[in-house]
C-alpha atoms as a PDB file:
ATOM      1  CA  MET A   1       1.432  13.751  -6.621  1.00  0.00           C
ATOM      2  CA  ALA A   2       1.112  10.208  -5.346  1.00  0.00           C
ATOM      3  CA  ASN A   3      -0.419  10.069  -1.892  1.00  0.00           C
ATOM      4  CA  PRO A   4       0.473   6.879   0.026  1.00  0.00           C
ATOM      5  CA  ALA A   5      -2.840   7.110   1.900  1.00  0.00           C
ATOM      6  CA  ARG A   6      -4.646   6.496  -1.407  1.00  0.00           C
ATOM      7  CA  MET A   7      -2.760   3.288  -2.147  1.00  0.00           C
ATOM      8  CA  THR A   8      -5.733   1.043  -1.464  1.00  0.00           C
ATOM      9  CA  SER A   9      -5.057  -1.802  -3.932  1.00  0.00           C
ATOM     10  CA  ARG A  10      -2.834  -4.799  -3.194  1.00  0.00           C
ATOM     11  CA  LEU A  11      -0.532  -6.119  -5.895  1.00  0.00           C
ATOM     12  CA  THR A  12       2.108  -8.825  -6.000  1.00  0.00           C
ATOM     13  CA  ILE A  13       5.307  -8.479  -7.991  1.00  0.00           C
ATOM     14  CA  GLN A  14       6.780 -11.706  -9.331  1.00  0.00           C
ATOM     15  CA  ARG A  15      10.092 -12.699 -10.882  1.00  0.00           C
ATOM     16  CA  LEU A  16      10.820 -15.671 -13.120  1.00  0.00           C
ATOM     17  CA  ALA A  17      12.975 -18.191 -11.248  1.00  0.00           C
ATOM     18  CA  GLN A  18      14.733 -21.128 -12.842  1.00  0.00           C
ATOM     19  CA  THR A  19      15.891 -24.283 -11.113  1.00  0.00           C
ATOM     20  CA  VAL A  20      17.902 -27.168 -12.492  1.00  0.00           C
ATOM     21  CA  ALA A  21      17.264 -30.697 -11.230  1.00  0.00           C
ATOM     22  CA  ALA A  22      18.710 -33.782 -12.931  1.00  0.00           C
ATOM     23  CA  GLY A  23      19.623 -31.653 -15.928  1.00  0.00           C
ATOM     24  CA  VAL A  24      16.057 -30.389 -16.410  1.00  0.00           C
ATOM     25  CA  VAL A  25      15.465 -26.634 -16.208  1.00  0.00           C
ATOM     26  CA  THR A  26      12.163 -25.648 -14.604  1.00  0.00           C
ATOM     27  CA  SER A  27      10.847 -22.077 -14.740  1.00  0.00           C
ATOM     28  CA  THR A  28       8.320 -20.765 -12.215  1.00  0.00           C
ATOM     29  CA  TRP A  29       7.149 -17.334 -11.125  1.00  0.00           C
ATOM     30  CA  ALA A  30       8.166 -16.506  -7.544  1.00  0.00           C
ATOM     31  CA  ASP A  31       6.709 -13.700  -5.422  1.00  0.00           C
ATOM     32  CA  VAL A  32       9.111 -10.810  -4.788  1.00  0.00           C
ATOM     33  CA  LYS A  33       6.819  -8.573  -2.732  1.00  0.00           C
ATOM     34  CA  THR A  34       3.139  -7.909  -2.065  1.00  0.00           C
ATOM     35  CA  CYS A  35       2.475  -4.248  -1.406  1.00  0.00           C
ATOM     36  CA  ALA A  36      -0.108  -1.475  -1.411  1.00  0.00           C
ATOM     37  CA  ALA A  37      -0.568   0.465  -4.638  1.00  0.00           C
ATOM     38  CA  LYS A  38      -2.705   3.066  -6.346  1.00  0.00           C
ATOM     39  CA  ILE A  39      -3.728   1.664  -9.729  1.00  0.00           C
ATOM     40  CA  GLU A  40      -5.720   3.311 -12.514  1.00  0.00           C
ATOM     41  CA  TRP A  41      -6.960   1.786 -15.763  1.00  0.00           C
ATOM     42  CA  GLN A  42      -5.884   3.531 -18.954  1.00  0.00           C
ATOM     43  CA  ALA A  43      -7.528   3.290 -22.364  1.00  0.00           C
ATOM     44  CA  ALA A  44      -7.594  -0.135 -23.988  1.00  0.00           C
ATOM     45  CA  THR A  45      -6.338  -0.589 -27.549  1.00  0.00           C
ATOM     46  CA  GLU A  46      -7.631  -3.094 -30.074  1.00  0.00           C
ATOM     47  CA  THR A  47      -5.515  -4.700 -32.797  1.00  0.00           C
ATOM     48  CA  LEU A  48      -6.693  -6.879 -35.659  1.00  0.00           C
ATOM     49  CA  ALA A  49      -4.026  -9.193 -37.059  1.00  0.00           C
ATOM     50  CA  SER A  50      -4.516 -12.402 -39.015  1.00  0.00           C
ATOM     51  CA  ASP A  51      -8.281 -12.162 -38.457  1.00  0.00           C
ATOM     52  CA  GLN A  52      -7.677 -12.206 -34.696  1.00  0.00           C
ATOM     53  CA  LEU A  53      -8.808  -9.291 -32.504  1.00  0.00           C
ATOM     54  CA  THR A  54      -6.636  -8.608 -29.459  1.00  0.00           C
ATOM     55  CA  VAL A  55      -7.239  -6.029 -26.751  1.00  0.00           C
ATOM     56  CA  ALA A  56      -4.383  -4.528 -24.742  1.00  0.00           C
ATOM     57  CA  ARG A  57      -5.470  -3.164 -21.355  1.00  0.00           C
ATOM     58  CA  THR A  58      -2.964  -0.881 -19.647  1.00  0.00           C
ATOM     59  CA  VAL A  59      -2.736   0.366 -16.070  1.00  0.00           C
ATOM     60  CA  THR A  60      -0.633   3.030 -14.411  1.00  0.00           C
ATOM     61  CA  GLY A  61       0.126   3.089 -10.739  1.00  0.00           C
ATOM     62  CA  HIS A  62       2.291   4.021  -7.796  1.00  0.00           C
ATOM     63  CA  VAL A  63       3.855   2.004  -4.988  1.00  0.00           C
ATOM     64  CA  ARG A  64       5.897   3.136  -2.017  1.00  0.00           C
ATOM     65  CA  TYR A  65       9.609   2.458  -2.419  1.00  0.00           C
ATOM     66  CA  MET A  66      10.961  -0.512  -0.439  1.00  0.00           C
ATOM     67  CA  PRO A  67      14.437  -2.069  -0.718  1.00  0.00           C
ATOM     68  CA  GLU A  68      12.871  -5.268  -2.142  1.00  0.00           C
ATOM     69  CA  LEU A  69      11.633  -3.232  -5.131  1.00  0.00           C
ATOM     70  CA  ALA A  70      14.992  -1.649  -6.021  1.00  0.00           C
ATOM     71  CA  ASP A  71      15.806  -4.130  -8.798  1.00  0.00           C
ATOM     72  CA  ILE A  72      12.367  -4.595 -10.395  1.00  0.00           C
ATOM     73  CA  THR A  73      12.580  -4.493 -14.197  1.00  0.00           C
ATOM     74  CA  GLU A  74      10.429  -5.059 -17.262  1.00  0.00           C
ATOM     75  CA  ARG A  75      11.298  -8.789 -17.033  1.00  0.00           C
ATOM     76  CA  ASP A  76       9.178  -9.067 -13.864  1.00  0.00           C
ATOM     77  CA  ARG A  77       5.380  -9.080 -13.713  1.00  0.00           C
ATOM     78  CA  ILE A  78       2.499  -7.801 -11.576  1.00  0.00           C
ATOM     79  CA  LEU A  79      -0.522  -9.717 -10.260  1.00  0.00           C
ATOM     80  CA  TRP A  80      -3.574  -7.600  -9.406  1.00  0.00           C
ATOM     81  CA  ASN A  81      -7.285  -8.486  -9.157  1.00  0.00           C
ATOM     82  CA  ASP A  82      -6.743 -11.975 -10.612  1.00  0.00           C
ATOM     83  CA  LEU A  83      -5.016 -10.457 -13.659  1.00  0.00           C
ATOM     84  CA  THR A  84      -1.392 -10.725 -14.749  1.00  0.00           C
ATOM     85  CA  PHE A  85       0.422  -7.680 -16.144  1.00  0.00           C
ATOM     86  CA  SER A  86       3.753  -7.313 -17.903  1.00  0.00           C
ATOM     87  CA  ILE A  87       5.671  -4.274 -16.676  1.00  0.00           C
ATOM     88  CA  ASN A  88       6.278  -1.592 -19.309  1.00  0.00           C
ATOM     89  CA  ALA A  89       8.032   0.956 -17.072  1.00  0.00           C
ATOM     90  CA  TRP A  90       9.160   1.029 -13.422  1.00  0.00           C
ATOM     91  CA  LEU A  91      10.511   4.457 -12.449  1.00  0.00           C
ATOM     92  CA  PRO A  92      10.863   6.766  -9.438  1.00  0.00           C
ATOM     93  CA  TYR A  93       8.047   9.362  -9.494  1.00  0.00           C
ATOM     94  CA  PRO A  94       8.772  12.161  -9.678  1.00  0.00           C
ATOM     95  CA  ALA A  95      12.549  12.144  -9.942  1.00  0.00           C
ATOM     96  CA  THR A  96      12.783  14.387  -6.871  1.00  0.00           C
ATOM     97  CA  ARG A  97      10.689  12.044  -4.722  1.00  0.00           C
ATOM     98  CA  SER A  98      12.542   8.803  -4.144  1.00  0.00           C
ATOM     99  CA  ASP A  99       9.939   7.227  -1.828  1.00  0.00           C
ATOM    100  CA  ILE A 100       7.382   6.614  -4.636  1.00  0.00           C
ATOM    101  CA  ILE A 101       7.761   4.394  -7.716  1.00  0.00           C
ATOM    102  CA  ASN A 102       5.602   4.986 -10.791  1.00  0.00           C
ATOM    103  CA  PHE A 103       4.803   2.098 -13.148  1.00  0.00           C
ATOM    104  CA  THR A 104       2.850   1.224 -16.261  1.00  0.00           C
ATOM    105  CA  ALA A 105       1.861  -2.340 -17.137  1.00  0.00           C
ATOM    106  CA  THR A 106      -0.165  -4.160 -19.772  1.00  0.00           C
ATOM    107  CA  ALA A 107      -2.508  -7.060 -19.045  1.00  0.00           C
ATOM    108  CA  CYS A 108      -1.243 -10.376 -20.400  1.00  0.00           C
ATOM    109  CA  PRO A 109      -3.593 -12.292 -22.690  1.00  0.00           C
END
């Protein structure tokens, strides 16, 4: 079970925002919320394609539910320890405990 007292890491969740000025669309990442989290590294996977080795590093974690986090999706991203992660899953954990959100994310290259 996720214990909020063990949420000792700080992460920032960002959403892609687009603005239009003089007919030019500009995309930037905007902070949605910075919050406490419990984050754990999972096993890394290596892939060799076109003579290029890539390593995917995945984390799992928990954050306390807040209204600002109700609409987080896989289109958003997480910043943690100077790394950027794409969100793979963002779900209540467990289903009977609505005050904790479970997530998995993969580090962006």
